[in-house]
């Protein structure tokens, strides 16, 4: 039976414009700016992670599709998992996380904590080539392995670690899209610090969490449908409409949802 890993995964609530996080995001943006770009039909491949034991590649294709929109995101790239070259859309991401939630709620909560840590680049290191990469310690790697074993029937074949690395690239690309001005990283105070990586990855916490609340409510009252509380579902819809596709939790919700792992 899967055991809780509170002492290893616990983390203080992250608040404000954190200098260390900003510097990591700037490092990443500069790296992406220098990636060679290809064409629409032949984008350049940039491998970020090569994962054992099957050498699964997690990579960017540059340029991404949004470069060619009428109102383009000029720096957009496409994150890809090199297992059948899968590009995970948000509905697929939420479905993977929700499946885990329906399997084991402890693993679900710890997965959301891992996503929180990835959002704030907690388990990241600067490598010898000055590149910032997701490098969790051995304890956290072992937790991820335990999660994979316990939820393997509900995970894609490329596994949980590859999924987490893909989320890292997803957040990285969002920063590249929204924090570059004149070909330089930009985090001026007039631009919301949450825009990009943080809003995207925190939405990957809020939507599955609130979605699971609603699913559990439906299951609880399946024989008395008039008693179903729709608030969690309606809240997701309202937040998505107000913020153009973003559904981020506030500090109070993070403390409540991810207790006891996140503390003030």
Protein backbone atom coordinates (compact mmCIF):
# COMPACT_ATOMS: atom_id res chain seq x y z
CA UNK A 1 0.00 0.00 0.00
CA UNK A 2 1.27 3.46 -0.92
CA UNK A 3 2.56 5.44 2.06
CA UNK A 4 2.41 9.20 2.60
CA UNK A 5 5.68 11.16 2.15
CA UNK A 6 4.86 14.33 4.03
CA UNK A 7 8.32 15.00 5.50
CA UNK A 8 10.06 14.72 2.13
CA UNK A 9 7.61 16.70 -0.02
CA UNK A 10 6.48 19.43 2.37
CA UNK A 11 7.22 22.97 1.24
CA UNK A 12 6.56 26.49 2.44
CA UNK A 13 3.89 28.42 0.55
CA UNK A 14 5.58 30.43 -2.20
CA UNK A 15 4.51 34.07 -2.33
CA UNK A 16 5.30 37.17 -4.35
CA UNK A 17 7.98 37.97 -6.91
CA UNK A 18 10.64 35.52 -5.76
CA UNK A 19 14.09 36.59 -6.95
CA UNK A 20 15.53 33.08 -7.18
CA UNK A 21 12.57 31.89 -9.24
CA UNK A 22 12.73 34.97 -11.48
CA UNK A 23 16.43 34.33 -12.15
CA UNK A 24 15.75 30.70 -13.05
CA UNK A 25 12.98 31.74 -15.42
CA UNK A 26 15.26 34.34 -17.03
CA UNK A 27 17.97 31.70 -17.49
CA UNK A 28 15.47 29.43 -19.21
CA UNK A 29 14.13 32.18 -21.46
CA UNK A 30 17.63 33.14 -22.58
CA UNK A 31 18.36 29.51 -23.39
CA UNK A 32 15.19 29.25 -25.49
CA UNK A 33 15.91 32.49 -27.34
CA UNK A 34 19.20 30.96 -28.48
CA UNK A 35 17.60 27.73 -29.74
CA UNK A 36 17.97 27.43 -33.48
CA UNK A 37 14.66 27.78 -35.27
CA UNK A 38 13.46 25.84 -38.27
CA UNK A 39 10.50 26.27 -40.56
CA UNK A 40 6.80 25.55 -40.23
CA UNK A 41 7.21 22.23 -42.06
CA UNK A 42 10.64 21.38 -40.63
CA UNK A 43 10.93 22.75 -37.08
CA UNK A 44 14.20 22.24 -35.21
CA UNK A 45 14.23 19.63 -32.45
CA UNK A 46 15.84 20.53 -29.11
CA UNK A 47 16.12 17.63 -26.66
CA UNK A 48 15.88 18.79 -23.04
CA UNK A 49 15.58 15.46 -21.21
CA UNK A 50 16.69 11.98 -22.27
CA UNK A 51 15.18 9.62 -19.73
CA UNK A 52 16.21 6.08 -18.78
CA UNK A 53 15.64 3.22 -19.10
CA UNK A 54 14.16 3.59 -22.61
CA UNK A 55 15.82 6.88 -23.62
CA UNK A 56 12.52 8.71 -23.89
CA UNK A 57 13.12 12.18 -25.26
CA UNK A 58 11.32 15.22 -23.90
CA UNK A 59 11.94 17.99 -26.39
CA UNK A 60 10.88 21.25 -28.03
CA UNK A 61 10.10 21.82 -31.67
CA UNK A 62 10.88 25.38 -32.75
CA UNK A 63 8.94 27.24 -34.07
CA UNK A 64 5.59 26.23 -32.58
CA UNK A 65 2.19 26.59 -34.16
CA UNK A 66 1.31 29.87 -32.44
CA UNK A 67 4.09 31.61 -34.39
CA UNK A 68 1.89 31.31 -37.48
CA UNK A 69 -1.33 32.71 -36.04
CA UNK A 70 -2.87 35.95 -37.28
CA UNK A 71 -1.83 37.49 -33.94
CA UNK A 72 1.31 35.41 -33.38
CA UNK A 73 3.25 34.43 -30.28
CA UNK A 74 6.57 34.93 -32.00
CA UNK A 75 8.62 32.81 -29.60
CA UNK A 76 6.25 29.86 -29.26
CA UNK A 77 7.63 26.31 -29.29
CA UNK A 78 5.95 22.91 -29.10
CA UNK A 79 6.75 20.65 -26.11
CA UNK A 80 6.74 16.96 -27.09
CA UNK A 81 7.09 13.60 -25.35
CA UNK A 82 9.16 11.39 -27.63
CA UNK A 83 7.00 8.35 -26.99
CA UNK A 84 4.98 8.25 -30.20
CA UNK A 85 5.92 11.97 -30.37
CA UNK A 86 2.93 12.90 -28.24
CA UNK A 87 1.90 16.50 -27.70
CA UNK A 88 -0.22 16.61 -24.55
CA UNK A 89 -3.18 18.98 -24.76
CA UNK A 90 -4.64 20.37 -21.55
CA UNK A 91 -7.58 17.96 -21.64
CA UNK A 92 -5.13 15.02 -21.80
CA UNK A 93 -3.07 16.46 -18.95
CA UNK A 94 -6.12 16.92 -16.74
CA UNK A 95 -7.39 13.43 -17.63
CA UNK A 96 -4.09 11.82 -16.57
CA UNK A 97 -4.10 13.64 -13.23
CA UNK A 98 -7.79 12.93 -12.59
CA UNK A 99 -7.35 9.21 -13.31
CA UNK A 100 -4.72 9.11 -10.61
CA UNK A 101 -7.09 10.95 -8.27
CA UNK A 102 -9.76 8.32 -8.83
CA UNK A 103 -7.21 5.59 -8.12
CA UNK A 104 -5.55 6.85 -4.93
CA UNK A 105 -6.19 10.18 -3.24
CA UNK A 106 -2.87 10.18 -1.36
CA UNK A 107 -0.92 9.74 -4.59
CA UNK A 108 -3.16 12.37 -6.20
CA UNK A 109 -2.36 14.93 -3.52
CA UNK A 110 1.36 14.15 -3.63
CA UNK A 111 1.33 14.46 -7.43
CA UNK A 112 -0.26 17.91 -7.10
CA UNK A 113 2.48 18.83 -4.61
CA UNK A 114 5.10 17.72 -7.12
CA UNK A 115 3.46 19.88 -9.79
CA UNK A 116 3.52 22.79 -7.33
CA UNK A 117 7.23 22.23 -6.73
CA UNK A 118 7.83 22.10 -10.49
CA UNK A 119 5.85 25.32 -11.00
CA UNK A 120 8.15 27.12 -8.57
CA UNK A 121 11.25 25.26 -9.82
CA UNK A 122 12.06 23.90 -6.35
CA UNK A 123 13.76 20.67 -7.45
CA UNK A 124 15.82 22.30 -10.20
CA UNK A 125 19.59 22.63 -10.48
CA UNK A 126 21.96 24.72 -12.55
CA UNK A 127 24.11 22.29 -14.51
CA UNK A 128 27.79 22.69 -15.44
CA UNK A 129 26.72 24.29 -18.74
CA UNK A 130 24.64 26.90 -16.84
CA UNK A 131 21.38 25.29 -17.94
CA UNK A 132 18.57 24.88 -15.41
CA UNK A 133 17.03 21.40 -15.29
CA UNK A 134 14.54 19.41 -13.21
CA UNK A 135 16.79 17.30 -10.96
CA UNK A 136 14.88 15.96 -7.95
CA UNK A 137 16.95 14.25 -5.27
CA UNK A 138 16.98 10.48 -4.84
CA UNK A 139 14.24 10.51 -2.21
CA UNK A 140 11.85 12.33 -4.52
CA UNK A 141 12.86 10.16 -7.49
CA UNK A 142 11.98 7.11 -5.40
CA UNK A 143 8.61 8.63 -4.51
CA UNK A 144 7.87 9.13 -8.21
CA UNK A 145 8.83 5.51 -8.86
CA UNK A 146 6.48 4.37 -6.09
CA UNK A 147 3.70 6.45 -7.64
CA UNK A 148 4.33 4.86 -11.04
CA UNK A 149 4.17 1.35 -9.61
CA UNK A 150 0.95 2.06 -7.71
CA UNK A 151 -0.83 3.76 -10.63
CA UNK A 152 0.71 2.02 -13.66
CA UNK A 153 -2.66 0.86 -14.99
CA UNK A 154 -3.82 4.49 -15.15
CA UNK A 155 -0.64 6.03 -16.55
CA UNK A 156 0.48 6.42 -20.17
CA UNK A 157 3.26 4.03 -21.20
CA UNK A 158 5.91 6.72 -20.97
CA UNK A 159 5.43 6.95 -17.20
CA UNK A 160 5.08 9.63 -14.56
CA UNK A 161 8.57 11.09 -14.63
CA UNK A 162 8.27 11.81 -18.37
CA UNK A 163 4.90 13.42 -17.71
CA UNK A 164 6.41 15.71 -15.06
CA UNK A 165 9.27 16.67 -17.38
CA UNK A 166 6.71 17.51 -20.07
CA UNK A 167 4.91 19.80 -17.61
CA UNK A 168 8.22 21.55 -16.98
CA UNK A 169 8.57 22.24 -20.72
CA UNK A 170 4.96 23.37 -20.90
CA UNK A 171 5.56 25.97 -18.18
CA UNK A 172 8.88 26.98 -19.73
CA UNK A 173 7.23 27.63 -23.09
CA UNK A 174 4.54 29.78 -21.46
CA UNK A 175 7.26 32.01 -20.01
CA UNK A 176 8.89 32.23 -23.43
CA UNK A 177 5.59 33.32 -24.96
CA UNK A 178 4.77 36.04 -22.43
CA UNK A 179 8.00 37.29 -20.85
CA UNK A 180 10.08 38.42 -23.83
CA UNK A 181 10.26 42.01 -25.09
CA UNK A 182 12.70 43.05 -27.82
CA UNK A 183 14.28 39.60 -27.79
CA UNK A 184 15.11 39.87 -24.07
CA UNK A 185 13.55 38.30 -20.95
CA UNK A 186 11.27 40.80 -19.24
CA UNK A 187 9.70 40.67 -15.78
CA UNK A 188 8.76 44.32 -15.29
CA UNK A 189 6.42 45.09 -12.41
CA UNK A 190 3.62 46.05 -14.81
CA UNK A 191 3.50 42.42 -15.98
CA UNK A 192 1.95 39.91 -13.59
CA UNK A 193 4.69 37.66 -12.20
CA UNK A 194 2.23 34.76 -12.28
CA UNK A 195 1.73 35.04 -16.05
CA UNK A 196 3.22 32.15 -17.96
CA UNK A 197 4.73 29.26 -16.02
CA UNK A 198 2.98 29.77 -12.70
CA UNK A 199 -0.55 30.35 -13.96
CA UNK A 200 -0.28 27.39 -16.33
CA UNK A 201 1.07 24.83 -13.87
CA UNK A 202 -1.07 25.99 -10.95
CA UNK A 203 -4.08 25.51 -13.24
CA UNK A 204 -2.90 21.90 -13.58
CA UNK A 205 -3.48 21.67 -9.84
CA UNK A 206 -6.78 23.53 -9.53
CA UNK A 207 -8.75 22.01 -12.40
CA UNK A 208 -8.08 18.34 -11.52
CA UNK A 209 -8.60 19.02 -7.80
CA UNK A 210 -11.91 20.79 -8.28
CA UNK A 211 -12.89 18.28 -10.93
CA UNK A 212 -12.32 15.42 -8.50
CA UNK A 213 -14.42 17.20 -5.88
CA UNK A 214 -17.31 17.31 -8.33
CA UNK A 215 -16.87 13.67 -9.41
CA UNK A 216 -16.89 12.54 -5.77
CA UNK A 217 -20.00 14.63 -5.16
CA UNK A 218 -21.77 12.98 -8.10
CA UNK A 219 -20.77 9.51 -6.90
CA UNK A 220 -21.92 10.32 -3.37
CA UNK A 221 -25.37 11.39 -4.49
CA UNK A 222 -25.78 9.26 -7.60
CA UNK A 223 -29.09 7.99 -6.28
CA UNK A 224 -30.22 11.44 -5.12
CA UNK A 225 -29.14 13.70 -7.95
CA UNK A 226 -31.05 16.68 -6.64
CA UNK A 227 -28.60 16.84 -3.71
CA UNK A 228 -25.48 17.18 -5.87
CA UNK A 229 -23.50 20.33 -5.08
CA UNK A 230 -22.35 21.84 -8.40
CA UNK A 231 -20.21 24.61 -6.90
CA UNK A 232 -16.80 23.11 -7.74
CA UNK A 233 -17.78 22.56 -11.39
CA UNK A 234 -19.32 26.01 -11.74
CA UNK A 235 -16.27 27.58 -10.10
CA UNK A 236 -13.97 26.02 -12.71
CA UNK A 237 -16.15 27.37 -15.52
CA UNK A 238 -16.38 30.83 -13.97
CA UNK A 239 -12.61 31.10 -13.44
CA UNK A 240 -11.83 29.92 -16.96
CA UNK A 241 -14.23 32.47 -18.43
CA UNK A 242 -12.92 35.35 -16.32
CA UNK A 243 -9.23 34.66 -16.95
CA UNK A 244 -9.26 33.41 -20.55
CA UNK A 245 -8.38 29.80 -19.86
CA UNK A 246 -6.50 30.11 -16.56
CA UNK A 247 -7.82 28.56 -13.35
CA UNK A 248 -5.34 29.29 -10.59
CA UNK A 249 -5.89 28.57 -6.91
CA UNK A 250 -5.40 31.32 -4.36
CA UNK A 251 -3.08 30.97 -1.36
CA UNK A 252 -5.89 29.93 0.98
CA UNK A 253 -7.00 27.18 -1.39
CA UNK A 254 -3.47 25.84 -1.82
CA UNK A 255 -3.05 25.58 1.95
CA UNK A 256 -6.45 23.88 2.27
CA UNK A 257 -6.15 21.52 -0.70
CA UNK A 258 -2.53 20.46 -0.20
CA UNK A 259 -2.48 20.33 3.58
CA UNK A 260 -0.24 19.21 5.30
CA UNK A 261 2.36 19.41 2.54
CA UNK A 262 2.16 23.18 1.98
CA UNK A 263 2.44 25.44 4.99
CA UNK A 264 2.83 29.16 5.75
